[in-house]
Structure formats: C-alpha cells, structure tokens
Amino acid sequence: MGNPEIQRKIGQSIDRDAAMTLKQLEAFYWTATLRNFASAATRLHLTPSTLSKRISELEAELDTRLFNRSSQRALLTASGERLIEHARHMLEIQNRIRTDVTPSSTFRGICRFGISELVATTWFPAFVRRVQSLFPELVLEPQVDFTARCERKLKRGEIDFAVIPGPAESTQLTSELICELDYTWTSSPERIQPNTELPESPSSALQTRYF
C-alpha cells in the first residue's frame, strides 16, 4: 500500500491539471437546450452514462452543480444559467474554426433535418444537387413533415435542424430567417364567378367557398 499523504498530493495535482473540454461543454449545452438527458445523449450519439460522466466532470472542474438532479427534467441551477451562454459561444467558435480551417471536401457524415412539404416541392431539389456537388461525402437525410412535428423532432434531438415557414413556436428553439417568399392567390377565371371580391386575409378566405 502506498503512502496516503503522497496519494492525496497526487490526487490534488491531477485535479489542478484537469481542465474543462469542449466535449463537456457540448454535453452540458445540449442537455440544457433539450432539457432532457436522454434526448441530449441521442443528439450527440452518446450513451447516457457517457453524457452523465462528461457533465459530472465539468461540474467537478467548476466546483458547482449545473443541473437540479431532484427533477426528472434537466433543469439548470443558477450556475448552469450563467454558463449556458458561455458554452454556446465556445461551440460557435469551434464551428467557425472548423468552417474556416477544414477543407470543404472533408465534410462527411450524416445530416438529418426536417422540411415542410412546401420546401420539398419548391427549391429543395436544387439545394440537394448543390450540396452533393460541394460535399460528395455528406449524406443528407431529409424528413418531410408538418411544422409542429419538425419542431418536436428538434426538441427530442432526432434531427439537426429544420427548414419551416415562419419562426418556431417553441421557446426552446432558436429561429433564424434565411429567406422571404411572396405568395399570391391564383385560380382559373372559370372557377370564380365574375365580380367576386376576394379577401386579403388567408384565414378569412378559408371560411368562404368560392368554387
């Protein structure tokens, strides 16, 4: 058996040398964002035990609890609330470094995302051709679904992002405007009676039968 005092000093030295990692911050960020440990593990392709270990290591490094373990959901403590923006910022820097430094031809893997029927039947085919020409090793797995279902899949970590009309209704998701489209009401003149006044509001149009 070794000297307990020496073992204690070695342990202290190891603790001082330990440092938080981006993987730990990533585990914390997605757990806090999805508010569920299992969903975060699925999102990061980790086992629940690996995810828990990374969060525990981060808590040990910061010497504070980041989640309230008494709740079934992943609820942040005051320290966790203060850390969330720092973690997001660090992960954004990581992504920018990868984008700026990594050659585009090396992008590979599977990208799962949700799209609405409108997107799937308009500009999406051209988008797929463009991505495949730029990143031939990247596999796209689109899931055409209703907007509400796309949002639920995002919150569960089943997809990486979603392209939907309008901002997300859930406060747990971050929306970013990528484009704006103009829509018009169109119909064959034979389908609408002459001198019919059409409403400007789509909601009121749905309540009236014109043909």
Protein backbone atom coordinates (compact mmCIF):
# COMPACT_ATOMS: atom_id res chain seq x y z
CA MET A 1 0.00 0.00 0.00
CA GLY A 2 1.21 3.50 -0.79
CA ASN A 3 1.63 6.45 1.49
CA PRO A 4 -1.82 8.10 1.95
CA GLU A 5 -0.29 11.58 2.07
CA ILE A 6 1.54 11.06 -1.21
CA GLN A 7 -1.62 9.67 -2.82
CA ARG A 8 -3.55 12.70 -1.60
CA LYS A 9 -0.99 15.09 -3.12
CA ILE A 10 -1.00 13.19 -6.41
CA GLY A 11 -4.78 13.43 -6.49
CA GLN A 12 -4.63 17.16 -5.84
CA SER A 13 -2.07 17.56 -8.62
CA ILE A 14 -4.30 15.67 -11.06
CA ASP A 15 -7.26 17.82 -10.07
CA ARG A 16 -5.28 21.00 -10.69
CA ASP A 17 -4.20 19.77 -14.11
CA ALA A 18 -7.75 18.89 -15.14
CA ALA A 19 -9.46 21.34 -17.45
CA MET A 20 -12.88 21.61 -19.00
CA THR A 21 -13.18 20.38 -22.57
CA LEU A 22 -15.38 21.28 -25.50
CA LYS A 23 -16.96 17.83 -25.31
CA GLN A 24 -18.00 18.54 -21.72
CA LEU A 25 -19.41 21.92 -22.68
CA GLU A 26 -21.20 20.33 -25.63
CA ALA A 27 -22.80 17.72 -23.37
CA PHE A 28 -23.89 20.45 -20.96
CA TYR A 29 -25.20 22.74 -23.71
CA TRP A 30 -27.40 20.18 -25.45
CA THR A 31 -28.73 18.81 -22.18
CA ALA A 32 -29.66 22.34 -21.12
CA THR A 33 -31.13 23.16 -24.53
CA LEU A 34 -33.20 19.99 -24.88
CA ARG A 35 -33.95 19.87 -21.14
CA ASN A 36 -33.60 16.13 -21.20
CA PHE A 37 -30.55 13.93 -20.62
CA ALA A 38 -31.74 11.09 -22.87
CA SER A 39 -32.51 13.45 -25.76
CA ALA A 40 -29.10 15.10 -25.43
CA ALA A 41 -27.37 11.71 -25.47
CA THR A 42 -29.28 10.79 -28.64
CA ARG A 43 -28.43 14.13 -30.24
CA LEU A 44 -24.71 13.64 -29.57
CA HIS A 45 -24.73 9.90 -30.37
CA LEU A 46 -23.54 9.10 -26.84
CA THR A 47 -24.61 6.58 -24.26
CA PRO A 48 -26.45 8.13 -21.28
CA SER A 49 -23.59 7.12 -18.99
CA THR A 50 -21.00 8.89 -21.18
CA LEU A 51 -23.10 12.04 -21.27
CA SER A 52 -23.56 11.96 -17.50
CA LYS A 53 -19.83 11.44 -17.00
CA ARG A 54 -18.93 14.48 -19.10
CA ILE A 55 -21.37 16.68 -17.21
CA SER A 56 -20.12 15.39 -13.85
CA GLU A 57 -16.53 16.10 -14.88
CA LEU A 58 -17.50 19.63 -15.88
CA GLU A 59 -19.27 20.17 -12.56
CA ALA A 60 -16.20 18.89 -10.72
CA GLU A 61 -13.94 21.23 -12.68
CA LEU A 62 -16.17 24.23 -11.94
CA ASP A 63 -16.85 23.05 -8.37
CA THR A 64 -20.58 23.66 -8.71
CA ARG A 65 -23.80 21.90 -9.64
CA LEU A 66 -25.12 22.78 -13.09
CA PHE A 67 -28.37 20.79 -13.02
CA ASN A 68 -31.01 20.19 -10.40
CA ARG A 69 -30.92 16.41 -10.02
CA SER A 70 -34.13 16.32 -7.95
CA SER A 71 -36.24 16.93 -11.06
CA GLN A 72 -36.99 14.42 -13.82
CA ARG A 73 -36.22 17.12 -16.39
CA ALA A 74 -32.80 18.70 -16.87
CA LEU A 75 -33.40 21.96 -15.01
CA LEU A 76 -30.49 24.37 -14.68
CA THR A 77 -29.22 25.71 -11.40
CA ALA A 78 -28.22 29.36 -11.08
CA SER A 79 -24.66 28.39 -12.05
CA GLY A 80 -25.96 26.49 -15.06
CA GLU A 81 -27.95 29.53 -16.19
CA ARG A 82 -24.79 31.62 -16.08
CA LEU A 83 -22.80 29.03 -18.01
CA ILE A 84 -25.23 28.37 -20.88
CA GLU A 85 -24.33 31.45 -22.95
CA HIS A 86 -20.60 30.88 -22.45
CA ALA A 87 -21.00 27.28 -23.64
CA ARG A 88 -22.96 28.36 -26.70
CA HIS A 89 -20.30 30.93 -27.54
CA MET A 90 -17.49 28.38 -27.23
CA LEU A 91 -19.30 25.91 -29.51
CA GLU A 92 -19.90 28.65 -32.07
CA ILE A 93 -16.17 29.41 -32.07
CA GLN A 94 -15.46 25.71 -32.58
CA ASN A 95 -17.81 25.61 -35.57
CA ARG A 96 -16.24 28.73 -37.08
CA ILE A 97 -12.77 27.24 -36.74
CA ARG A 98 -13.90 24.07 -38.49
CA THR A 99 -15.54 26.07 -41.26
CA ASP A 100 -12.55 28.36 -41.80
CA VAL A 101 -9.78 25.77 -41.50
CA THR A 102 -11.22 22.44 -42.66
CA PRO A 103 -11.19 21.94 -46.46
CA SER A 104 -14.73 21.68 -47.78
CA SER A 105 -14.03 18.34 -49.42
CA THR A 106 -13.53 16.70 -46.00
CA PHE A 107 -17.10 17.32 -44.77
CA ARG A 108 -18.62 13.90 -44.24
CA GLY A 109 -21.21 12.15 -42.15
CA ILE A 110 -25.00 12.14 -41.95
CA CYS A 111 -27.08 15.32 -41.78
CA ARG A 112 -30.66 14.72 -40.61
CA PHE A 113 -33.11 17.58 -40.94
CA GLY A 114 -36.80 18.30 -41.29
CA ILE A 115 -38.51 20.19 -44.10
CA SER A 116 -42.08 21.17 -44.87
CA GLU A 117 -43.95 19.97 -47.95
CA LEU A 118 -43.67 23.46 -49.43
CA VAL A 119 -39.87 23.36 -49.20
CA ALA A 120 -39.74 19.80 -50.53
CA THR A 121 -41.67 20.70 -53.67
CA THR A 122 -40.00 24.02 -54.50
CA TRP A 123 -36.33 24.86 -54.06
CA PHE A 124 -35.20 21.76 -52.14
CA PRO A 125 -34.19 19.57 -55.14
CA ALA A 126 -31.84 22.29 -56.39
CA PHE A 127 -30.43 22.61 -52.87
CA VAL A 128 -29.69 18.87 -52.72
CA ARG A 129 -27.87 18.95 -56.06
CA ARG A 130 -25.78 21.91 -54.89
CA VAL A 131 -24.81 20.27 -51.59
CA GLN A 132 -23.94 16.97 -53.26
CA SER A 133 -21.67 18.75 -55.73
CA LEU A 134 -19.85 20.62 -52.94
CA PHE A 135 -19.76 17.87 -50.31
CA PRO A 136 -19.97 14.47 -52.02
CA GLU A 137 -19.17 12.62 -48.78
CA LEU A 138 -22.01 14.26 -46.84
CA VAL A 139 -25.18 12.16 -46.64
CA LEU A 140 -28.44 14.12 -46.48
CA GLU A 141 -31.43 12.55 -44.72
CA PRO A 142 -34.40 14.93 -45.12
CA GLN A 143 -37.65 14.19 -43.31
CA VAL A 144 -40.73 15.78 -44.87
CA ASP A 145 -43.26 16.51 -42.15
CA PHE A 146 -45.62 19.06 -40.67
CA THR A 147 -44.05 22.08 -38.99
CA ALA A 148 -45.19 21.08 -35.49
CA ARG A 149 -43.73 17.59 -35.89
CA CYS A 150 -40.44 19.01 -37.14
CA GLU A 151 -40.25 21.15 -34.02
CA ARG A 152 -40.94 18.15 -31.77
CA LYS A 153 -38.20 16.15 -33.51
CA LEU A 154 -35.78 19.03 -32.98
CA LYS A 155 -36.55 19.20 -29.27
CA ARG A 156 -36.04 15.45 -28.96
CA GLY A 157 -32.71 15.69 -30.78
CA GLU A 158 -33.83 13.41 -33.62
CA ILE A 159 -32.81 15.91 -36.34
CA ASP A 160 -30.07 18.52 -36.62
CA PHE A 161 -32.21 21.39 -37.91
CA ALA A 162 -35.46 22.13 -39.72
CA VAL A 163 -36.46 24.43 -42.58
CA ILE A 164 -40.03 25.53 -41.88
CA PRO A 165 -42.25 28.50 -42.75
CA GLY A 166 -42.20 31.16 -40.07
CA PRO A 167 -40.36 31.21 -36.72
CA ALA A 168 -40.58 28.23 -34.37
CA GLU A 169 -43.36 28.48 -31.82
CA SER A 170 -41.32 26.76 -29.10
CA THR A 171 -39.16 28.98 -26.89
CA GLN A 172 -36.71 26.08 -26.60
CA LEU A 173 -35.68 26.50 -30.24
CA THR A 174 -33.72 29.25 -31.94
CA SER A 175 -35.06 30.52 -35.27
CA GLU A 176 -33.06 32.27 -37.96
CA LEU A 177 -34.57 33.87 -41.05
CA ILE A 178 -32.91 32.52 -44.21
CA CYS A 179 -35.18 33.98 -46.89
CA GLU A 180 -38.54 35.58 -47.58
CA LEU A 181 -41.04 34.41 -50.18
CA ASP A 182 -44.01 36.16 -51.74
CA TYR A 183 -47.25 34.24 -52.18
CA THR A 184 -50.25 35.04 -54.37
CA TRP A 185 -53.79 33.71 -54.57
CA THR A 186 -54.28 32.21 -58.02
CA SER A 187 -57.10 30.39 -59.76
CA SER A 188 -58.54 29.80 -63.18
CA PRO A 189 -61.02 32.57 -64.09
CA GLU A 190 -63.57 29.86 -64.81
CA ARG A 191 -63.51 28.74 -61.17
CA ILE A 192 -64.59 32.07 -59.67
CA GLN A 193 -67.72 33.99 -60.50
CA PRO A 194 -67.27 37.41 -62.13
CA ASN A 195 -67.03 40.44 -59.84
CA THR A 196 -66.26 38.26 -56.82
CA GLU A 197 -64.32 40.21 -54.18
CA LEU A 198 -61.52 38.10 -52.76
CA PRO A 199 -60.36 38.74 -49.17
CA GLU A 200 -56.81 39.79 -48.42
CA SER A 201 -56.65 37.62 -45.31
CA PRO A 202 -55.87 33.92 -45.89
CA SER A 203 -57.77 32.99 -42.72
CA SER A 204 -60.98 34.61 -43.93
CA ALA A 205 -60.55 33.03 -47.35
CA LEU A 206 -60.61 29.59 -45.75
CA GLN A 207 -64.03 30.32 -44.29
CA THR A 208 -65.62 31.11 -47.66
CA ARG A 209 -66.24 28.78 -50.58
CA TYR A 210 -65.53 30.39 -53.97
CA PHE A 211 -65.72 27.32 -56.19
